[in-house]
Amino acid sequence: MTQPRYHINVFWYPDDECWIADVPDLKPCSAHGDTPTEAIAEAEIAISLWLETAKERGFPIPEPRYRPAIYSAA
């Protein structure tokens, strides 16, 4: 079984002076890093752990649904 492909939003957060990688379909699932690449890598780990925990506890696994506004304009 392949892991669903969830969208990851990456943005600079000046209060903490780091990059944030947020996964909108999985609440709460986010990570941070010193670079965008590091934040994404950490988010991929967080996604795996989120899904693993949900499966262990019998929680539903949401389908990837989030799409940035730029893609919904079409």
PDB file of N, CA and C in Angstrom:
ATOM      1  N   MET A   1       0.840  -1.183   0.000  1.00  0.00           N
ATOM      2  CA  MET A   1       0.000   0.000   0.000  1.00  0.00           C
ATOM      3  C   MET A   1       0.881   1.241   0.000  1.00  0.00           C
ATOM      4  N   THR A   2       0.590   2.154  -0.879  1.00  0.00           N
ATOM      5  CA  THR A   2       1.370   3.384  -0.906  1.00  0.00           C
ATOM      6  C   THR A   2       0.729   4.428   0.009  1.00  0.00           C
ATOM      7  N   GLN A   3       1.569   5.276   0.520  1.00  0.00           N
ATOM      8  CA  GLN A   3       1.098   6.345   1.404  1.00  0.00           C
ATOM      9  C   GLN A   3       0.401   7.424   0.577  1.00  0.00           C
ATOM     10  N   PRO A   4      -0.762   7.916   1.035  1.00  0.00           N
ATOM     11  CA  PRO A   4      -1.427   9.004   0.305  1.00  0.00           C
ATOM     12  C   PRO A   4      -0.499  10.218   0.183  1.00  0.00           C
ATOM     13  N   ARG A   5      -0.702  10.978  -0.860  1.00  0.00           N
ATOM     14  CA  ARG A   5       0.135  12.163  -1.091  1.00  0.00           C
ATOM     15  C   ARG A   5      -0.601  13.404  -0.616  1.00  0.00           C
ATOM     16  N   TYR A   6      -0.192  13.895   0.529  1.00  0.00           N
ATOM     17  CA  TYR A   6      -0.816  15.063   1.123  1.00  0.00           C
ATOM     18  C   TYR A   6      -0.049  16.328   0.749  1.00  0.00           C
ATOM     19  N   HIS A   7      -0.800  17.393   0.544  1.00  0.00           N
ATOM     20  CA  HIS A   7      -0.197  18.687   0.241  1.00  0.00           C
ATOM     21  C   HIS A   7       0.521  19.209   1.482  1.00  0.00           C
ATOM     22  N   ILE A   8       1.658  19.860   1.264  1.00  0.00           N
ATOM     23  CA  ILE A   8       2.419  20.477   2.356  1.00  0.00           C
ATOM     24  C   ILE A   8       2.591  21.950   2.021  1.00  0.00           C
ATOM     25  N   ASN A   9       2.084  22.821   2.912  1.00  0.00           N
ATOM     26  CA  ASN A   9       2.316  24.264   2.787  1.00  0.00           C
ATOM     27  C   ASN A   9       3.615  24.599   3.506  1.00  0.00           C
ATOM     28  N   VAL A  10       4.479  25.349   2.859  1.00  0.00           N
ATOM     29  CA  VAL A  10       5.750  25.742   3.478  1.00  0.00           C
ATOM     30  C   VAL A  10       5.815  27.261   3.500  1.00  0.00           C
ATOM     31  N   PHE A  11       6.113  27.809   4.679  1.00  0.00           N
ATOM     32  CA  PHE A  11       6.195  29.266   4.805  1.00  0.00           C
ATOM     33  C   PHE A  11       7.165  29.654   5.916  1.00  0.00           C
ATOM     34  N   TRP A  12       7.684  30.853   5.802  1.00  0.00           N
ATOM     35  CA  TRP A  12       8.590  31.404   6.808  1.00  0.00           C
ATOM     36  C   TRP A  12       7.765  31.951   7.954  1.00  0.00           C
ATOM     37  N   TYR A  13       8.134  31.626   9.189  1.00  0.00           N
ATOM     38  CA  TYR A  13       7.436  32.119  10.366  1.00  0.00           C
ATOM     39  C   TYR A  13       8.403  33.002  11.151  1.00  0.00           C
ATOM     40  N   PRO A  14       8.256  34.324  11.011  1.00  0.00           N
ATOM     41  CA  PRO A  14       9.236  35.240  11.599  1.00  0.00           C
ATOM     42  C   PRO A  14       9.301  35.209  13.128  1.00  0.00           C
ATOM     43  N   ASP A  15       8.190  34.903  13.803  1.00  0.00           N
ATOM     44  CA  ASP A  15       8.217  34.877  15.272  1.00  0.00           C
ATOM     45  C   ASP A  15       9.216  33.851  15.801  1.00  0.00           C
ATOM     46  N   ASP A  16       9.291  32.706  15.138  1.00  0.00           N
ATOM     47  CA  ASP A  16      10.225  31.650  15.559  1.00  0.00           C
ATOM     48  C   ASP A  16      11.476  31.586  14.691  1.00  0.00           C
ATOM     49  N   GLU A  17      11.515  32.426  13.648  1.00  0.00           N
ATOM     50  CA  GLU A  17      12.640  32.472  12.716  1.00  0.00           C
ATOM     51  C   GLU A  17      12.975  31.086  12.170  1.00  0.00           C
ATOM     52  N   CYS A  18      11.941  30.443  11.614  1.00  0.00           N
ATOM     53  CA  CYS A  18      12.150  29.128  11.003  1.00  0.00           C
ATOM     54  C   CYS A  18      11.102  28.919   9.917  1.00  0.00           C
ATOM     55  N   TRP A  19      11.325  27.887   9.121  1.00  0.00           N
ATOM     56  CA  TRP A  19      10.380  27.497   8.076  1.00  0.00           C
ATOM     57  C   TRP A  19       9.393  26.505   8.669  1.00  0.00           C
ATOM     58  N   ILE A  20       8.120  26.686   8.359  1.00  0.00           N
ATOM     59  CA  ILE A  20       7.056  25.804   8.827  1.00  0.00           C
ATOM     60  C   ILE A  20       6.533  25.004   7.639  1.00  0.00           C
ATOM     61  N   ALA A  21       6.314  23.735   7.844  1.00  0.00           N
ATOM     62  CA  ALA A  21       5.686  22.863   6.849  1.00  0.00           C
ATOM     63  C   ALA A  21       4.404  22.330   7.486  1.00  0.00           C
ATOM     64  N   ASP A  22       3.266  22.755   6.947  1.00  0.00           N
ATOM     65  CA  ASP A  22       1.963  22.414   7.501  1.00  0.00           C
ATOM     66  C   ASP A  22       1.232  21.479   6.543  1.00  0.00           C
ATOM     67  N   VAL A  23       0.539  20.474   7.092  1.00  0.00           N
ATOM     68  CA  VAL A  23      -0.209  19.510   6.286  1.00  0.00           C
ATOM     69  C   VAL A  23      -1.696  19.739   6.577  1.00  0.00           C
ATOM     70  N   PRO A  24      -2.389  20.524   5.739  1.00  0.00           N
ATOM     71  CA  PRO A  24      -3.768  20.913   6.040  1.00  0.00           C
ATOM     72  C   PRO A  24      -4.757  19.758   6.184  1.00  0.00           C
ATOM     73  N   ASP A  25      -4.556  18.661   5.469  1.00  0.00           N
ATOM     74  CA  ASP A  25      -5.493  17.541   5.542  1.00  0.00           C
ATOM     75  C   ASP A  25      -5.371  16.735   6.830  1.00  0.00           C
ATOM     76  N   LEU A  26      -4.265  16.871   7.534  1.00  0.00           N
ATOM     77  CA  LEU A  26      -4.030  16.100   8.755  1.00  0.00           C
ATOM     78  C   LEU A  26      -3.895  17.070   9.918  1.00  0.00           C
ATOM     79  N   LYS A  27      -4.962  17.199  10.690  1.00  0.00           N
ATOM     80  CA  LYS A  27      -4.945  18.134  11.822  1.00  0.00           C
ATOM     81  C   LYS A  27      -4.594  17.399  13.089  1.00  0.00           C
ATOM     82  N   PRO A  28      -3.732  17.876  13.943  1.00  0.00           N
ATOM     83  CA  PRO A  28      -2.682  18.839  13.637  1.00  0.00           C
ATOM     84  C   PRO A  28      -1.445  18.095  13.158  1.00  0.00           C
ATOM     85  N   CYS A  29      -0.912  18.486  12.053  1.00  0.00           N
ATOM     86  CA  CYS A  29       0.303  17.856  11.540  1.00  0.00           C
ATOM     87  C   CYS A  29       1.151  18.935  10.892  1.00  0.00           C
ATOM     88  N   SER A  30       2.281  19.222  11.502  1.00  0.00           N
ATOM     89  CA  SER A  30       3.198  20.222  10.960  1.00  0.00           C
ATOM     90  C   SER A  30       4.590  19.938  11.485  1.00  0.00           C
ATOM     91  N   ALA A  31       5.553  20.636  10.915  1.00  0.00           N
ATOM     92  CA  ALA A  31       6.948  20.491  11.331  1.00  0.00           C
ATOM     93  C   ALA A  31       7.661  21.806  11.016  1.00  0.00           C
ATOM     94  N   HIS A  32       8.901  21.891  11.430  1.00  0.00           N
ATOM     95  CA  HIS A  32       9.670  23.104  11.134  1.00  0.00           C
ATOM     96  C   HIS A  32      11.116  22.736  10.839  1.00  0.00           C
ATOM     97  N   GLY A  33      11.839  23.711  10.277  1.00  0.00           N
ATOM     98  CA  GLY A  33      13.247  23.493   9.972  1.00  0.00           C
ATOM     99  C   GLY A  33      13.938  24.808   9.674  1.00  0.00           C
ATOM    100  N   ASP A  34      15.252  24.751   9.595  1.00  0.00           N
ATOM    101  CA  ASP A  34      16.046  25.941   9.290  1.00  0.00           C
ATOM    102  C   ASP A  34      15.980  26.324   7.816  1.00  0.00           C
ATOM    103  N   THR A  35      15.585  25.356   6.965  1.00  0.00           N
ATOM    104  CA  THR A  35      15.438  25.595   5.530  1.00  0.00           C
ATOM    105  C   THR A  35      14.104  25.003   5.089  1.00  0.00           C
ATOM    106  N   PRO A  36      13.583  25.438   3.944  1.00  0.00           N
ATOM    107  CA  PRO A  36      12.352  24.816   3.454  1.00  0.00           C
ATOM    108  C   PRO A  36      12.508  23.306   3.246  1.00  0.00           C
ATOM    109  N   THR A  37      13.653  22.889   2.735  1.00  0.00           N
ATOM    110  CA  THR A  37      13.901  21.467   2.492  1.00  0.00           C
ATOM    111  C   THR A  37      13.878  20.672   3.796  1.00  0.00           C
ATOM    112  N   GLU A  38      14.485  21.223   4.821  1.00  0.00           N
ATOM    113  CA  GLU A  38      14.500  20.555   6.125  1.00  0.00           C
ATOM    114  C   GLU A  38      13.087  20.479   6.700  1.00  0.00           C
ATOM    115  N   ALA A  39      12.317  21.539   6.568  1.00  0.00           N
ATOM    116  CA  ALA A  39      10.944  21.546   7.073  1.00  0.00           C
ATOM    117  C   ALA A  39      10.100  20.493   6.361  1.00  0.00           C
ATOM    118  N   ILE A  40      10.257  20.361   5.050  1.00  0.00           N
ATOM    119  CA  ILE A  40       9.512  19.357   4.289  1.00  0.00           C
ATOM    120  C   ILE A  40       9.915  17.949   4.720  1.00  0.00           C
ATOM    121  N   ALA A  41      11.206  17.715   4.882  1.00  0.00           N
ATOM    122  CA  ALA A  41      11.679  16.396   5.319  1.00  0.00           C
ATOM    123  C   ALA A  41      11.084  16.042   6.682  1.00  0.00           C
ATOM    124  N   GLU A  42      11.048  17.005   7.577  1.00  0.00           N
ATOM    125  CA  GLU A  42      10.475  16.771   8.901  1.00  0.00           C
ATOM    126  C   GLU A  42       8.965  16.546   8.798  1.00  0.00           C
ATOM    127  N   ALA A  43       8.289  17.250   7.887  1.00  0.00           N
ATOM    128  CA  ALA A  43       6.852  17.072   7.693  1.00  0.00           C
ATOM    129  C   ALA A  43       6.555  15.674   7.159  1.00  0.00           C
ATOM    130  N   GLU A  44       7.402  15.161   6.289  1.00  0.00           N
ATOM    131  CA  GLU A  44       7.197  13.800   5.773  1.00  0.00           C
ATOM    132  C   GLU A  44       7.282  12.773   6.901  1.00  0.00           C
ATOM    133  N   ILE A  45       8.166  12.992   7.841  1.00  0.00           N
ATOM    134  CA  ILE A  45       8.248  12.118   9.023  1.00  0.00           C
ATOM    135  C   ILE A  45       6.980  12.269   9.856  1.00  0.00           C
ATOM    136  N   ALA A  46       6.549  13.516  10.048  1.00  0.00           N
ATOM    137  CA  ALA A  46       5.337  13.774  10.834  1.00  0.00           C
ATOM    138  C   ALA A  46       4.111  13.122  10.193  1.00  0.00           C
ATOM    139  N   ILE A  47       4.018  13.166   8.866  1.00  0.00           N
ATOM    140  CA  ILE A  47       2.902  12.521   8.158  1.00  0.00           C
ATOM    141  C   ILE A  47       2.909  11.022   8.441  1.00  0.00           C
ATOM    142  N   SER A  48       4.068  10.395   8.307  1.00  0.00           N
ATOM    143  CA  SER A  48       4.166   8.953   8.554  1.00  0.00           C
ATOM    144  C   SER A  48       3.743   8.608   9.979  1.00  0.00           C
ATOM    145  N   LEU A  49       4.203   9.388  10.941  1.00  0.00           N
ATOM    146  CA  LEU A  49       3.846   9.133  12.341  1.00  0.00           C
ATOM    147  C   LEU A  49       2.367   9.394  12.594  1.00  0.00           C
ATOM    148  N   TRP A  50       1.813  10.424  11.966  1.00  0.00           N
ATOM    149  CA  TRP A  50       0.391  10.733  12.109  1.00  0.00           C
ATOM    150  C   TRP A  50      -0.438   9.562  11.608  1.00  0.00           C
ATOM    151  N   LEU A  51      -0.104   9.068  10.410  1.00  0.00           N
ATOM    152  CA  LEU A  51      -0.852   7.960   9.812  1.00  0.00           C
ATOM    153  C   LEU A  51      -0.698   6.677  10.644  1.00  0.00           C
ATOM    154  N   GLU A  52       0.506   6.417  11.103  1.00  0.00           N
ATOM    155  CA  GLU A  52       0.757   5.229  11.930  1.00  0.00           C
ATOM    156  C   GLU A  52      -0.083   5.269  13.203  1.00  0.00           C
ATOM    157  N   THR A  53      -0.109   6.420  13.858  1.00  0.00           N
ATOM    158  CA  THR A  53      -0.876   6.580  15.093  1.00  0.00           C
ATOM    159  C   THR A  53      -2.371   6.425  14.833  1.00  0.00           C
ATOM    160  N   ALA A  54      -2.857   7.033  13.748  1.00  0.00           N
ATOM    161  CA  ALA A  54      -4.274   6.922  13.408  1.00  0.00           C
ATOM    162  C   ALA A  54      -4.659   5.466  13.166  1.00  0.00           C
ATOM    163  N   LYS A  55      -3.821   4.718  12.457  1.00  0.00           N
ATOM    164  CA  LYS A  55      -4.105   3.306  12.186  1.00  0.00           C
ATOM    165  C   LYS A  55      -4.126   2.499  13.478  1.00  0.00           C
ATOM    166  N   GLU A  56      -3.136   2.739  14.356  1.00  0.00           N
ATOM    167  CA  GLU A  56      -3.058   2.015  15.627  1.00  0.00           C
ATOM    168  C   GLU A  56      -4.289   2.252  16.489  1.00  0.00           C
ATOM    169  N   ARG A  57      -4.840   3.461  16.424  1.00  0.00           N
ATOM    170  CA  ARG A  57      -5.986   3.817  17.272  1.00  0.00           C
ATOM    171  C   ARG A  57      -7.329   3.643  16.577  1.00  0.00           C
ATOM    172  N   GLY A  58      -7.286   3.176  15.338  1.00  0.00           N
ATOM    173  CA  GLY A  58      -8.524   2.945  14.614  1.00  0.00           C
ATOM    174  C   GLY A  58      -9.210   4.205  14.121  1.00  0.00           C
ATOM    175  N   PHE A  59      -8.463   5.300  13.992  1.00  0.00           N
ATOM    176  CA  PHE A  59      -9.034   6.552  13.490  1.00  0.00           C
ATOM    177  C   PHE A  59      -9.082   6.520  11.965  1.00  0.00           C
ATOM    178  N   PRO A  60     -10.046   7.200  11.374  1.00  0.00           N
ATOM    179  CA  PRO A  60     -10.112   7.228   9.909  1.00  0.00           C
ATOM    180  C   PRO A  60      -8.932   7.987   9.312  1.00  0.00           C
ATOM    181  N   ILE A  61      -8.498   7.522   8.167  1.00  0.00           N
ATOM    182  CA  ILE A  61      -7.411   8.182   7.431  1.00  0.00           C
ATOM    183  C   ILE A  61      -8.058   9.061   6.362  1.00  0.00           C
ATOM    184  N   PRO A  62      -7.901  10.380   6.463  1.00  0.00           N
ATOM    185  CA  PRO A  62      -8.544  11.249   5.477  1.00  0.00           C
ATOM    186  C   PRO A  62      -7.894  11.149   4.102  1.00  0.00           C
ATOM    187  N   GLU A  63      -8.728  11.257   3.086  1.00  0.00           N
ATOM    188  CA  GLU A  63      -8.225  11.335   1.722  1.00  0.00           C
ATOM    189  C   GLU A  63      -7.567  12.691   1.526  1.00  0.00           C
ATOM    190  N   PRO A  64      -6.522  12.763   0.713  1.00  0.00           N
ATOM    191  CA  PRO A  64      -5.931  14.075   0.400  1.00  0.00           C
ATOM    192  C   PRO A  64      -6.960  14.915  -0.354  1.00  0.00           C
ATOM    193  N   ARG A  65      -7.309  16.078   0.188  1.00  0.00           N
ATOM    194  CA  ARG A  65      -8.305  16.945  -0.433  1.00  0.00           C
ATOM    195  C   ARG A  65      -7.812  18.363  -0.653  1.00  0.00           C
ATOM    196  N   TYR A  66      -6.930  18.833   0.217  1.00  0.00           N
ATOM    197  CA  TYR A  66      -6.517  20.233   0.160  1.00  0.00           C
ATOM    198  C   TYR A  66      -5.814  20.547  -1.151  1.00  0.00           C
ATOM    199  N   ARG A  67      -6.206  21.653  -1.755  1.00  0.00           N
ATOM    200  CA  ARG A  67      -5.546  22.177  -2.952  1.00  0.00           C
ATOM    201  C   ARG A  67      -5.417  23.683  -2.772  1.00  0.00           C
ATOM    202  N   PRO A  68      -4.251  24.222  -2.982  1.00  0.00           N
ATOM    203  CA  PRO A  68      -4.085  25.675  -2.868  1.00  0.00           C
ATOM    204  C   PRO A  68      -5.031  26.399  -3.825  1.00  0.00           C
ATOM    205  N   ALA A  69      -5.397  27.604  -3.501  1.00  0.00           N
ATOM    206  CA  ALA A  69      -6.324  28.397  -4.316  1.00  0.00           C
ATOM    207  C   ALA A  69      -5.871  28.518  -5.752  1.00  0.00           C
ATOM    208  N   ILE A  70      -4.583  28.560  -5.994  1.00  0.00           N
ATOM    209  CA  ILE A  70      -4.061  28.697  -7.359  1.00  0.00           C
ATOM    210  C   ILE A  70      -4.540  27.552  -8.265  1.00  0.00           C
ATOM    211  N   TYR A  71      -4.764  26.351  -7.668  1.00  0.00           N
ATOM    212  CA  TYR A  71      -5.203  25.210  -8.458  1.00  0.00           C
ATOM    213  C   TYR A  71      -6.719  25.134  -8.593  1.00  0.00           C
ATOM    214  N   SER A  72      -7.456  25.809  -7.714  1.00  0.00           N
ATOM    215  CA  SER A  72      -8.909  25.766  -7.830  1.00  0.00           C
ATOM    216  C   SER A  72      -9.463  26.806  -8.787  1.00  0.00           C
ATOM    217  N   ALA A  73      -8.646  27.699  -9.272  1.00  0.00           N
ATOM    218  CA  ALA A  73      -9.104  28.744 -10.194  1.00  0.00           C
ATOM    219  C   ALA A  73      -9.382  28.190 -11.584  1.00  0.00           C
ATOM    220  N   ALA A  74      -8.837  27.042 -11.918  1.00  0.00           N
ATOM    221  CA  ALA A  74      -8.993  26.478 -13.265  1.00  0.00           C
ATOM    222  C   ALA A  74     -10.350  25.919 -13.542  1.00  0.00           C
TER     223      ALA A  74
END
